[in-house]
């Protein structure tokens, strides 16, 4: 008797997401059909519609799972008892690492988010805003307590850091001269240097 393959034991929603992520990354969201996704996942269209309802539900979830992970991790950093400088540095490095570890997901989403329906797009924007506001609160905390400079507004500091994060897919390559942690450390250090009083 042969052992079951990973695809056979993986839950159907995870198989669908894995197949959709691979296909969206390889050929683009708009050029990927529902039929290709279900064939790659080894399920029926009925299974897809049972779990996701539509192709844009899959697109929404591709990014949503990364954003949920990043939000949980940011919330944990923000709640910790560490000094604000340490909490901000950890959060700034973590968003880089988790973005690189899920680069296909984030690349697909930023390239294809305009395909989402209006309600899903509003929801994603609200979730991203919540993340950025929690991150900005760490910057503001440090500015209000004199740990960070107030020369640059907190909003601009956050936009600067996330601009770098959102462009990782344009240049970062696995197996390149720098690993995820090294890139994360450099970008977090740049952020903290910009905030020094």
N, C-alpha and C. Protein backbone atom coordinates (compact mmCIF):
# COMPACT_ATOMS: atom_id res chain seq x y z
N UNK A 1 0.84 -1.18 0.00
CA UNK A 1 0.00 0.00 0.00
C UNK A 1 0.89 1.25 0.00
N UNK A 2 0.59 2.19 -0.87
CA UNK A 2 1.42 3.40 -0.93
C UNK A 2 0.91 4.44 0.06
N UNK A 3 1.84 5.24 0.55
CA UNK A 3 1.48 6.31 1.49
C UNK A 3 0.74 7.41 0.73
N UNK A 4 -0.21 8.07 1.39
CA UNK A 4 -0.92 9.14 0.71
C UNK A 4 0.02 10.30 0.41
N UNK A 5 -0.22 10.95 -0.72
CA UNK A 5 0.60 12.11 -1.06
C UNK A 5 0.17 13.29 -0.21
N UNK A 6 1.03 14.30 -0.16
CA UNK A 6 0.73 15.50 0.62
C UNK A 6 -0.58 16.11 0.16
N UNK A 7 -0.82 16.13 -1.17
CA UNK A 7 -2.05 16.72 -1.69
C UNK A 7 -3.29 15.96 -1.24
N UNK A 8 -3.16 14.65 -1.02
CA UNK A 8 -4.31 13.85 -0.61
C UNK A 8 -4.70 14.13 0.84
N UNK A 9 -3.73 14.44 1.68
CA UNK A 9 -4.03 14.63 3.10
C UNK A 9 -4.23 16.10 3.46
N UNK A 10 -3.81 17.00 2.59
CA UNK A 10 -4.01 18.42 2.86
C UNK A 10 -5.48 18.77 2.72
N UNK A 11 -6.03 19.57 3.64
CA UNK A 11 -7.44 19.96 3.51
C UNK A 11 -7.71 20.66 2.17
N UNK A 12 -8.92 20.47 1.67
CA UNK A 12 -9.30 21.01 0.36
C UNK A 12 -9.06 22.52 0.25
N UNK A 13 -9.45 23.34 1.25
CA UNK A 13 -9.20 24.78 1.10
C UNK A 13 -7.71 25.11 0.92
N UNK A 14 -6.85 24.40 1.64
CA UNK A 14 -5.40 24.64 1.49
C UNK A 14 -4.90 24.21 0.12
N UNK A 15 -5.44 23.11 -0.39
CA UNK A 15 -5.05 22.66 -1.74
C UNK A 15 -5.48 23.68 -2.78
N UNK A 16 -6.70 24.20 -2.64
CA UNK A 16 -7.18 25.21 -3.59
C UNK A 16 -6.33 26.48 -3.52
N UNK A 17 -6.01 26.92 -2.32
CA UNK A 17 -5.19 28.13 -2.17
C UNK A 17 -3.79 27.93 -2.73
N UNK A 18 -3.21 26.76 -2.47
CA UNK A 18 -1.87 26.48 -3.00
C UNK A 18 -1.88 26.47 -4.52
N UNK A 19 -2.88 25.83 -5.10
CA UNK A 19 -2.98 25.78 -6.57
C UNK A 19 -3.22 27.17 -7.15
N UNK A 20 -4.14 27.92 -6.53
CA UNK A 20 -4.43 29.27 -7.03
C UNK A 20 -3.21 30.17 -6.92
N UNK A 21 -2.51 30.09 -5.80
CA UNK A 21 -1.32 30.93 -5.61
C UNK A 21 -0.28 30.63 -6.69
N UNK A 22 -0.03 29.34 -6.92
CA UNK A 22 0.97 28.97 -7.93
C UNK A 22 0.55 29.45 -9.31
N UNK A 23 -0.70 29.22 -9.67
CA UNK A 23 -1.17 29.60 -11.01
C UNK A 23 -1.24 31.12 -11.18
N UNK A 24 -1.73 31.84 -10.16
CA UNK A 24 -1.77 33.30 -10.25
C UNK A 24 -0.36 33.87 -10.40
N UNK A 25 0.61 33.27 -9.69
CA UNK A 25 2.00 33.74 -9.77
C UNK A 25 2.60 33.45 -11.14
N UNK A 26 2.29 32.28 -11.69
CA UNK A 26 2.89 31.87 -12.97
C UNK A 26 2.26 32.58 -14.16
N UNK A 27 0.93 32.73 -14.18
CA UNK A 27 0.29 33.23 -15.40
C UNK A 27 -0.61 34.44 -15.19
N UNK A 28 -0.73 34.90 -13.94
CA UNK A 28 -1.57 36.06 -13.66
C UNK A 28 -2.97 35.67 -13.27
N UNK A 29 -3.59 36.50 -12.45
CA UNK A 29 -4.95 36.23 -11.97
C UNK A 29 -5.94 36.19 -13.13
N UNK A 30 -5.89 37.19 -13.98
CA UNK A 30 -6.89 37.30 -15.05
C UNK A 30 -6.74 36.22 -16.12
N UNK A 31 -5.56 35.60 -16.23
CA UNK A 31 -5.36 34.55 -17.23
C UNK A 31 -5.50 33.15 -16.65
N UNK A 32 -5.91 33.07 -15.39
CA UNK A 32 -6.11 31.76 -14.75
C UNK A 32 -7.59 31.48 -14.63
N UNK A 33 -8.01 30.33 -15.12
CA UNK A 33 -9.43 29.97 -15.06
C UNK A 33 -9.71 29.15 -13.81
N UNK A 34 -10.97 29.15 -13.42
CA UNK A 34 -11.42 28.32 -12.30
C UNK A 34 -11.14 26.85 -12.60
N UNK A 35 -11.34 26.45 -13.85
CA UNK A 35 -11.09 25.05 -14.24
C UNK A 35 -9.63 24.66 -14.00
N UNK A 36 -8.71 25.55 -14.35
CA UNK A 36 -7.29 25.25 -14.12
C UNK A 36 -6.99 25.10 -12.64
N UNK A 37 -7.61 25.92 -11.82
CA UNK A 37 -7.37 25.87 -10.37
C UNK A 37 -7.87 24.54 -9.81
N UNK A 38 -9.09 24.15 -10.16
CA UNK A 38 -9.63 22.92 -9.59
C UNK A 38 -8.87 21.69 -10.10
N UNK A 39 -8.45 21.72 -11.35
CA UNK A 39 -7.65 20.60 -11.87
C UNK A 39 -6.32 20.50 -11.13
N UNK A 40 -5.67 21.64 -10.92
CA UNK A 40 -4.37 21.63 -10.22
C UNK A 40 -4.53 21.19 -8.77
N UNK A 41 -5.66 21.51 -8.16
CA UNK A 41 -5.91 21.13 -6.77
C UNK A 41 -6.45 19.71 -6.64
N UNK A 42 -6.88 19.13 -7.77
CA UNK A 42 -7.44 17.78 -7.74
C UNK A 42 -8.81 17.72 -7.08
N UNK A 43 -9.61 18.77 -7.28
CA UNK A 43 -10.96 18.81 -6.71
C UNK A 43 -11.95 19.21 -7.81
N UNK A 44 -13.21 19.27 -7.43
CA UNK A 44 -14.24 19.68 -8.39
C UNK A 44 -14.54 21.17 -8.23
N UNK A 45 -15.23 21.72 -9.24
CA UNK A 45 -15.67 23.11 -9.13
C UNK A 45 -16.62 23.28 -7.94
N UNK A 46 -17.41 22.26 -7.69
CA UNK A 46 -18.31 22.31 -6.55
C UNK A 46 -17.57 22.52 -5.23
N UNK A 47 -16.41 21.87 -5.12
CA UNK A 47 -15.60 22.02 -3.90
C UNK A 47 -15.09 23.45 -3.77
N UNK A 48 -14.63 24.00 -4.89
CA UNK A 48 -14.15 25.39 -4.85
C UNK A 48 -15.26 26.32 -4.39
N UNK A 49 -16.43 26.18 -5.02
CA UNK A 49 -17.53 27.09 -4.69
C UNK A 49 -18.08 26.84 -3.29
N UNK A 50 -17.89 25.65 -2.77
CA UNK A 50 -18.31 25.37 -1.39
C UNK A 50 -17.46 26.17 -0.40
N UNK A 51 -16.15 26.23 -0.66
CA UNK A 51 -15.24 26.89 0.28
C UNK A 51 -15.02 28.37 -0.02
N UNK A 52 -15.05 28.75 -1.28
CA UNK A 52 -14.66 30.12 -1.61
C UNK A 52 -15.71 30.93 -2.36
N UNK A 53 -16.61 30.32 -3.05
CA UNK A 53 -17.66 31.08 -3.70
C UNK A 53 -17.30 31.66 -5.05
N UNK A 54 -16.05 32.11 -5.21
CA UNK A 54 -15.64 32.71 -6.48
C UNK A 54 -14.12 32.77 -6.56
N UNK A 55 -13.64 33.08 -7.74
CA UNK A 55 -12.19 33.21 -7.94
C UNK A 55 -11.65 34.41 -7.16
N UNK A 56 -12.44 35.49 -7.08
CA UNK A 56 -11.91 36.63 -6.34
C UNK A 56 -11.91 36.39 -4.83
N UNK A 57 -12.72 35.44 -4.35
CA UNK A 57 -12.60 35.02 -2.94
C UNK A 57 -11.22 34.38 -2.70
N UNK A 58 -10.77 33.61 -3.68
CA UNK A 58 -9.43 33.02 -3.56
C UNK A 58 -8.36 34.11 -3.54
N UNK A 59 -8.47 35.08 -4.42
CA UNK A 59 -7.51 36.19 -4.45
C UNK A 59 -7.52 36.92 -3.11
N UNK A 60 -8.68 37.17 -2.59
CA UNK A 60 -8.81 37.86 -1.30
C UNK A 60 -8.12 37.07 -0.20
N UNK A 61 -8.29 35.75 -0.21
CA UNK A 61 -7.71 34.92 0.83
C UNK A 61 -6.20 34.76 0.68
N UNK A 62 -5.70 34.80 -0.56
CA UNK A 62 -4.25 34.71 -0.79
C UNK A 62 -3.54 35.79 0.02
N UNK A 63 -4.06 37.01 -0.06
CA UNK A 63 -3.45 38.10 0.68
C UNK A 63 -3.92 38.13 2.13
N UNK A 64 -5.19 37.79 2.36
CA UNK A 64 -5.75 37.85 3.70
C UNK A 64 -5.00 37.00 4.70
N UNK A 65 -4.55 35.82 4.28
CA UNK A 65 -3.85 34.95 5.23
C UNK A 65 -2.51 35.55 5.64
N UNK A 66 -1.84 36.26 4.72
CA UNK A 66 -0.57 36.92 5.06
C UNK A 66 -0.84 38.10 5.99
N UNK A 67 -1.84 38.88 5.65
CA UNK A 67 -2.15 40.05 6.47
C UNK A 67 -2.57 39.66 7.88
N UNK A 68 -3.34 38.58 8.02
CA UNK A 68 -3.74 38.11 9.36
C UNK A 68 -2.52 37.70 10.17
N UNK A 69 -1.60 36.97 9.54
CA UNK A 69 -0.37 36.56 10.22
C UNK A 69 0.41 37.79 10.67
N UNK A 70 0.58 38.76 9.77
CA UNK A 70 1.35 39.95 10.11
C UNK A 70 0.66 40.75 11.21
N UNK A 71 -0.66 40.83 11.18
CA UNK A 71 -1.39 41.57 12.21
C UNK A 71 -1.22 40.91 13.58
N UNK A 72 -1.34 39.58 13.63
CA UNK A 72 -1.17 38.86 14.89
C UNK A 72 0.21 39.10 15.47
N UNK A 73 1.21 39.06 14.60
CA UNK A 73 2.58 39.24 15.06
C UNK A 73 2.84 40.68 15.50
N UNK A 74 2.31 41.64 14.76
CA UNK A 74 2.46 43.04 15.15
C UNK A 74 1.77 43.29 16.49
N UNK A 75 0.58 42.76 16.66
CA UNK A 75 -0.14 42.94 17.94
C UNK A 75 0.69 42.39 19.10
N UNK A 76 1.33 41.25 18.90
CA UNK A 76 2.17 40.66 19.95
C UNK A 76 3.37 41.55 20.25
N UNK A 77 4.02 42.07 19.22
CA UNK A 77 5.16 42.98 19.45
C UNK A 77 4.70 44.23 20.20
N UNK A 78 3.58 44.81 19.76
CA UNK A 78 3.09 46.05 20.35
C UNK A 78 2.70 45.87 21.82
N UNK A 79 2.19 44.69 22.18
CA UNK A 79 1.75 44.42 23.56
C UNK A 79 2.89 44.05 24.49
N UNK A 80 4.05 43.75 23.96
CA UNK A 80 5.13 43.24 24.82
C UNK A 80 5.63 44.34 25.76
N UNK A 81 6.38 43.93 26.76
CA UNK A 81 6.91 44.87 27.76
C UNK A 81 8.25 45.46 27.35
N UNK A 82 8.74 45.13 26.16
CA UNK A 82 10.04 45.62 25.71
C UNK A 82 9.98 47.13 25.49
N UNK A 83 11.13 47.81 25.53
CA UNK A 83 11.16 49.25 25.22
C UNK A 83 10.61 49.48 23.81
N UNK A 84 10.04 50.66 23.60
CA UNK A 84 9.39 50.96 22.32
C UNK A 84 10.35 50.82 21.13
N UNK A 85 11.61 51.17 21.33
CA UNK A 85 12.58 51.03 20.23
C UNK A 85 12.72 49.57 19.80
N UNK A 86 12.75 48.67 20.77
CA UNK A 86 12.87 47.23 20.48
C UNK A 86 11.58 46.72 19.81
N UNK A 87 10.43 47.15 20.31
CA UNK A 87 9.15 46.70 19.74
C UNK A 87 9.01 47.16 18.29
N UNK A 88 9.39 48.42 18.03
CA UNK A 88 9.28 48.92 16.66
C UNK A 88 10.27 48.21 15.75
N UNK A 89 11.48 48.00 16.22
CA UNK A 89 12.48 47.32 15.38
C UNK A 89 12.02 45.90 15.07
N UNK A 90 11.52 45.19 16.07
CA UNK A 90 11.05 43.82 15.85
C UNK A 90 9.89 43.79 14.84
N UNK A 91 8.96 44.74 14.99
CA UNK A 91 7.82 44.80 14.07
C UNK A 91 8.28 45.15 12.66
N UNK A 92 9.20 46.10 12.55
CA UNK A 92 9.69 46.53 11.23
C UNK A 92 10.43 45.40 10.52
N UNK A 93 11.22 44.63 11.26
CA UNK A 93 11.94 43.50 10.66
C UNK A 93 10.97 42.37 10.32
N UNK A 94 9.99 42.13 11.20
CA UNK A 94 9.06 41.02 10.99
C UNK A 94 8.23 41.18 9.72
N UNK A 95 7.77 42.39 9.45
CA UNK A 95 6.94 42.58 8.25
C UNK A 95 7.76 42.32 6.99
N UNK A 96 9.06 42.58 7.05
CA UNK A 96 9.93 42.27 5.90
C UNK A 96 10.08 40.76 5.75
N UNK A 97 10.38 40.08 6.84
CA UNK A 97 10.58 38.63 6.79
C UNK A 97 9.30 37.92 6.33
N UNK A 98 8.16 38.28 6.92
CA UNK A 98 6.92 37.59 6.55
C UNK A 98 6.49 37.92 5.13
N UNK A 99 6.83 39.10 4.65
CA UNK A 99 6.54 39.43 3.25
C UNK A 99 7.40 38.59 2.32
N UNK A 100 8.69 38.48 2.62
CA UNK A 100 9.59 37.68 1.78
C UNK A 100 9.19 36.21 1.82
N UNK A 101 8.83 35.72 3.01
CA UNK A 101 8.43 34.31 3.12
C UNK A 101 7.14 34.01 2.36
N UNK A 102 6.37 35.04 2.08
CA UNK A 102 5.09 34.89 1.36
C UNK A 102 5.08 35.79 0.12
N UNK A 103 6.22 35.88 -0.55
CA UNK A 103 6.39 36.85 -1.62
C UNK A 103 5.43 36.62 -2.78
N UNK A 104 5.16 35.36 -3.13
CA UNK A 104 4.19 35.10 -4.20
C UNK A 104 2.83 35.68 -3.84
N UNK A 105 2.41 35.46 -2.59
CA UNK A 105 1.09 35.93 -2.15
C UNK A 105 0.98 37.45 -2.25
N UNK A 106 1.97 38.15 -1.72
CA UNK A 106 1.91 39.61 -1.72
C UNK A 106 2.07 40.17 -3.13
N UNK A 107 2.92 39.56 -3.93
CA UNK A 107 3.10 40.02 -5.32
C UNK A 107 1.80 39.86 -6.10
N UNK A 108 1.19 38.70 -5.98
CA UNK A 108 -0.07 38.43 -6.68
C UNK A 108 -1.10 39.48 -6.27
N UNK A 109 -1.18 39.72 -4.97
CA UNK A 109 -2.23 40.61 -4.51
C UNK A 109 -2.03 42.03 -5.04
N UNK A 110 -0.83 42.57 -4.89
CA UNK A 110 -0.62 43.96 -5.32
C UNK A 110 -0.75 44.10 -6.84
N UNK A 111 -0.44 43.05 -7.55
CA UNK A 111 -0.58 43.07 -9.01
C UNK A 111 -2.04 42.91 -9.44
N UNK A 112 -2.85 42.28 -8.61
CA UNK A 112 -4.21 41.90 -9.04
C UNK A 112 -5.33 42.44 -8.17
N UNK A 113 -5.04 43.23 -7.15
CA UNK A 113 -6.08 43.65 -6.22
C UNK A 113 -7.21 44.42 -6.90
N UNK A 114 -6.93 45.05 -8.04
CA UNK A 114 -7.97 45.80 -8.75
C UNK A 114 -9.07 44.88 -9.29
N UNK A 115 -8.82 43.57 -9.29
CA UNK A 115 -9.84 42.62 -9.74
C UNK A 115 -10.88 42.30 -8.66
N UNK A 116 -10.59 42.68 -7.41
CA UNK A 116 -11.54 42.40 -6.34
C UNK A 116 -12.80 43.25 -6.49
N UNK A 117 -13.91 42.69 -6.02
CA UNK A 117 -15.14 43.47 -5.98
C UNK A 117 -15.01 44.60 -4.98
N UNK A 118 -15.91 45.57 -5.09
CA UNK A 118 -15.82 46.78 -4.27
C UNK A 118 -15.82 46.49 -2.77
N UNK A 119 -16.68 45.58 -2.33
CA UNK A 119 -16.77 45.29 -0.89
C UNK A 119 -15.50 44.62 -0.37
N UNK A 120 -14.98 43.67 -1.12
CA UNK A 120 -13.75 42.98 -0.69
C UNK A 120 -12.57 43.96 -0.68
N UNK A 121 -12.53 44.84 -1.67
CA UNK A 121 -11.46 45.83 -1.73
C UNK A 121 -11.53 46.75 -0.52
N UNK A 122 -12.74 47.17 -0.16
CA UNK A 122 -12.91 48.03 1.02
C UNK A 122 -12.44 47.31 2.28
N UNK A 123 -12.78 46.03 2.37
CA UNK A 123 -12.41 45.23 3.53
C UNK A 123 -10.88 45.11 3.65
N UNK A 124 -10.23 44.83 2.53
CA UNK A 124 -8.77 44.70 2.54
C UNK A 124 -8.13 46.03 2.92
N UNK A 125 -8.63 47.10 2.36
CA UNK A 125 -8.06 48.43 2.69
C UNK A 125 -8.22 48.74 4.18
N UNK A 126 -9.36 48.35 4.74
CA UNK A 126 -9.59 48.58 6.17
C UNK A 126 -8.63 47.74 7.01
N UNK A 127 -8.40 46.49 6.61
CA UNK A 127 -7.48 45.62 7.34
C UNK A 127 -6.05 46.15 7.26
N UNK A 128 -5.65 46.60 6.08
CA UNK A 128 -4.30 47.17 5.93
C UNK A 128 -4.16 48.46 6.73
N UNK A 129 -5.21 49.26 6.73
CA UNK A 129 -5.18 50.51 7.51
C UNK A 129 -5.01 50.21 9.00
N UNK A 130 -5.72 49.19 9.48
CA UNK A 130 -5.59 48.81 10.89
C UNK A 130 -4.14 48.41 11.20
N UNK A 131 -3.53 47.65 10.30
CA UNK A 131 -2.14 47.24 10.50
C UNK A 131 -1.23 48.48 10.54
N UNK A 132 -1.37 49.36 9.57
CA UNK A 132 -0.51 50.55 9.50
C UNK A 132 -0.73 51.46 10.71
N UNK A 133 -1.98 51.56 11.17
CA UNK A 133 -2.25 52.40 12.35
C UNK A 133 -1.60 51.84 13.60
N UNK A 134 -1.61 50.51 13.74
CA UNK A 134 -0.96 49.91 14.91
C UNK A 134 0.55 50.12 14.84
N UNK A 135 1.11 50.02 13.65
CA UNK A 135 2.55 50.26 13.46
C UNK A 135 2.86 51.73 13.75
N UNK A 136 2.03 52.62 13.22
CA UNK A 136 2.24 54.06 13.44
C UNK A 136 2.15 54.41 14.92
N UNK A 137 1.28 53.73 15.66
CA UNK A 137 1.15 54.00 17.10
C UNK A 137 2.46 53.75 17.84
N UNK A 138 3.25 52.77 17.38
CA UNK A 138 4.56 52.53 17.99
C UNK A 138 5.50 53.70 17.71
N UNK A 139 5.48 54.21 16.49
CA UNK A 139 6.30 55.37 16.15
C UNK A 139 5.88 56.56 17.02
N UNK A 140 4.58 56.79 17.11
CA UNK A 140 4.07 57.93 17.88
C UNK A 140 4.39 57.79 19.36
N UNK A 141 4.31 56.58 19.88
CA UNK A 141 4.66 56.35 21.28
C UNK A 141 6.11 56.76 21.54
N UNK A 142 7.00 56.33 20.64
CA UNK A 142 8.40 56.70 20.79
C UNK A 142 8.64 58.20 20.64
N UNK A 143 7.89 58.83 19.74
CA UNK A 143 8.02 60.28 19.56
C UNK A 143 7.51 61.03 20.79
N UNK A 144 6.40 60.58 21.34
CA UNK A 144 5.81 61.27 22.50
C UNK A 144 6.65 61.12 23.75
N UNK A 145 7.41 60.03 23.85
CA UNK A 145 8.24 59.81 25.03
C UNK A 145 9.67 60.29 24.84
N UNK A 146 9.97 60.88 23.69
CA UNK A 146 11.30 61.43 23.44
C UNK A 146 12.33 60.43 22.98
N UNK A 147 11.92 59.18 22.78
CA UNK A 147 12.86 58.15 22.30
C UNK A 147 13.16 58.37 20.82
N UNK A 148 12.15 58.79 20.04
CA UNK A 148 12.30 59.04 18.61
C UNK A 148 12.16 60.53 18.32
N UNK A 149 12.80 60.95 17.26
CA UNK A 149 12.70 62.32 16.78
C UNK A 149 11.28 62.60 16.27
N UNK A 150 10.86 63.83 16.46
CA UNK A 150 9.57 64.25 15.91
C UNK A 150 9.75 65.06 14.62
N UNK A 151 10.98 65.11 14.10
CA UNK A 151 11.26 65.92 12.91
C UNK A 151 10.46 65.45 11.70
N UNK A 152 10.22 64.16 11.59
CA UNK A 152 9.45 63.60 10.48
C UNK A 152 8.12 63.09 11.04
N UNK A 153 6.98 63.48 10.44
CA UNK A 153 5.69 62.99 10.93
C UNK A 153 5.61 61.46 10.89
N UNK A 154 4.93 60.90 11.88
CA UNK A 154 4.82 59.44 12.00
C UNK A 154 4.22 58.81 10.74
N UNK A 155 3.22 59.47 10.13
CA UNK A 155 2.62 58.93 8.90
C UNK A 155 3.65 58.75 7.80
N UNK A 156 4.52 59.73 7.66
CA UNK A 156 5.54 59.66 6.60
C UNK A 156 6.56 58.57 6.89
N UNK A 157 6.90 58.40 8.15
CA UNK A 157 7.83 57.33 8.55
C UNK A 157 7.24 55.97 8.18
N UNK A 158 5.96 55.78 8.48
CA UNK A 158 5.29 54.51 8.18
C UNK A 158 5.21 54.29 6.67
N UNK A 159 4.82 55.33 5.93
CA UNK A 159 4.75 55.21 4.46
C UNK A 159 6.11 54.87 3.86
N UNK A 160 7.16 55.46 4.39
CA UNK A 160 8.52 55.20 3.91
C UNK A 160 8.89 53.73 4.10
N UNK A 161 8.62 53.21 5.30
CA UNK A 161 8.99 51.82 5.56
C UNK A 161 8.17 50.86 4.70
N UNK A 162 6.87 51.09 4.63
CA UNK A 162 6.03 50.16 3.87
C UNK A 162 6.21 50.31 2.37
N UNK A 163 6.66 51.47 1.91
CA UNK A 163 7.03 51.60 0.50
C UNK A 163 8.15 50.62 0.16
N UNK A 164 9.12 50.51 1.07
CA UNK A 164 10.22 49.56 0.87
C UNK A 164 9.72 48.12 0.89
N UNK A 165 8.83 47.83 1.82
CA UNK A 165 8.29 46.47 1.95
C UNK A 165 7.50 46.09 0.70
N UNK A 166 6.67 47.01 0.21
CA UNK A 166 5.81 46.69 -0.94
C UNK A 166 6.59 46.54 -2.24
N UNK A 167 7.83 47.02 -2.27
CA UNK A 167 8.65 46.89 -3.48
C UNK A 167 9.63 45.71 -3.42
N UNK A 168 9.56 44.92 -2.37
CA UNK A 168 10.48 43.78 -2.26
C UNK A 168 10.37 42.84 -3.47
N UNK A 169 9.15 42.65 -3.96
CA UNK A 169 8.97 41.71 -5.08
C UNK A 169 9.66 42.19 -6.35
N UNK A 170 9.96 43.47 -6.43
CA UNK A 170 10.61 44.00 -7.63
C UNK A 170 12.08 43.61 -7.70
N UNK A 171 12.71 43.33 -6.56
CA UNK A 171 14.14 43.05 -6.61
C UNK A 171 14.60 41.86 -5.79
N UNK A 172 13.85 41.45 -4.77
CA UNK A 172 14.33 40.36 -3.92
C UNK A 172 14.20 39.03 -4.63
N UNK A 173 15.25 38.23 -4.56
CA UNK A 173 15.24 36.88 -5.14
C UNK A 173 15.82 35.90 -4.11
N UNK A 174 15.10 34.82 -3.88
CA UNK A 174 15.61 33.77 -3.01
C UNK A 174 16.93 33.27 -3.58
N UNK A 175 17.89 33.02 -2.73
CA UNK A 175 19.18 32.56 -3.19
C UNK A 175 20.09 33.68 -3.64
N UNK A 176 19.63 34.93 -3.51
CA UNK A 176 20.44 36.09 -3.87
C UNK A 176 21.48 36.38 -2.80
N UNK A 177 22.15 37.52 -2.90
CA UNK A 177 23.24 37.82 -1.97
C UNK A 177 22.79 38.03 -0.52
N UNK A 178 21.52 38.36 -0.29
CA UNK A 178 21.04 38.58 1.07
C UNK A 178 19.81 37.72 1.34
N UNK A 179 19.79 37.12 2.51
CA UNK A 179 18.61 36.36 2.92
C UNK A 179 17.56 37.28 3.52
N UNK A 180 16.40 36.71 3.82
CA UNK A 180 15.27 37.49 4.34
C UNK A 180 15.64 38.21 5.63
N UNK A 181 16.29 37.53 6.56
CA UNK A 181 16.63 38.14 7.84
C UNK A 181 17.62 39.30 7.67
N UNK A 182 18.58 39.14 6.77
CA UNK A 182 19.57 40.21 6.55
C UNK A 182 18.89 41.45 5.96
N UNK A 183 18.02 41.26 4.98
CA UNK A 183 17.28 42.38 4.40
C UNK A 183 16.43 43.04 5.48
N UNK A 184 15.76 42.22 6.28
CA UNK A 184 14.90 42.74 7.35
C UNK A 184 15.70 43.57 8.34
N UNK A 185 16.87 43.08 8.73
CA UNK A 185 17.71 43.83 9.68
C UNK A 185 18.15 45.16 9.10
N UNK A 186 18.56 45.17 7.83
CA UNK A 186 18.98 46.43 7.19
C UNK A 186 17.83 47.44 7.14
N UNK A 187 16.66 47.00 6.72
CA UNK A 187 15.53 47.93 6.58
C UNK A 187 15.05 48.42 7.95
N UNK A 188 15.05 47.53 8.95
CA UNK A 188 14.65 47.95 10.31
C UNK A 188 15.66 48.95 10.87
N UNK A 189 16.94 48.71 10.63
CA UNK A 189 17.97 49.64 11.11
C UNK A 189 17.86 51.00 10.42
N UNK A 190 17.56 50.99 9.11
CA UNK A 190 17.35 52.26 8.41
C UNK A 190 16.20 53.04 9.02
N UNK A 191 15.12 52.35 9.35
CA UNK A 191 13.97 53.01 9.95
C UNK A 191 14.35 53.64 11.29
N UNK A 192 15.04 52.89 12.12
CA UNK A 192 15.39 53.42 13.44
C UNK A 192 16.40 54.55 13.35
N UNK A 193 17.33 54.47 12.39
CA UNK A 193 18.28 55.58 12.20
C UNK A 193 17.55 56.86 11.82
N UNK A 194 16.51 56.73 11.00
CA UNK A 194 15.74 57.90 10.57
C UNK A 194 14.98 58.51 11.74
N UNK A 195 14.74 57.75 12.79
CA UNK A 195 13.96 58.25 13.92
C UNK A 195 14.82 58.70 15.09
N UNK A 196 16.14 58.56 14.96
CA UNK A 196 16.99 58.96 16.09
C UNK A 196 16.88 60.46 16.37
N UNK A 197 16.78 60.84 17.64
CA UNK A 197 16.69 62.27 17.96
C UNK A 197 18.00 63.00 17.63
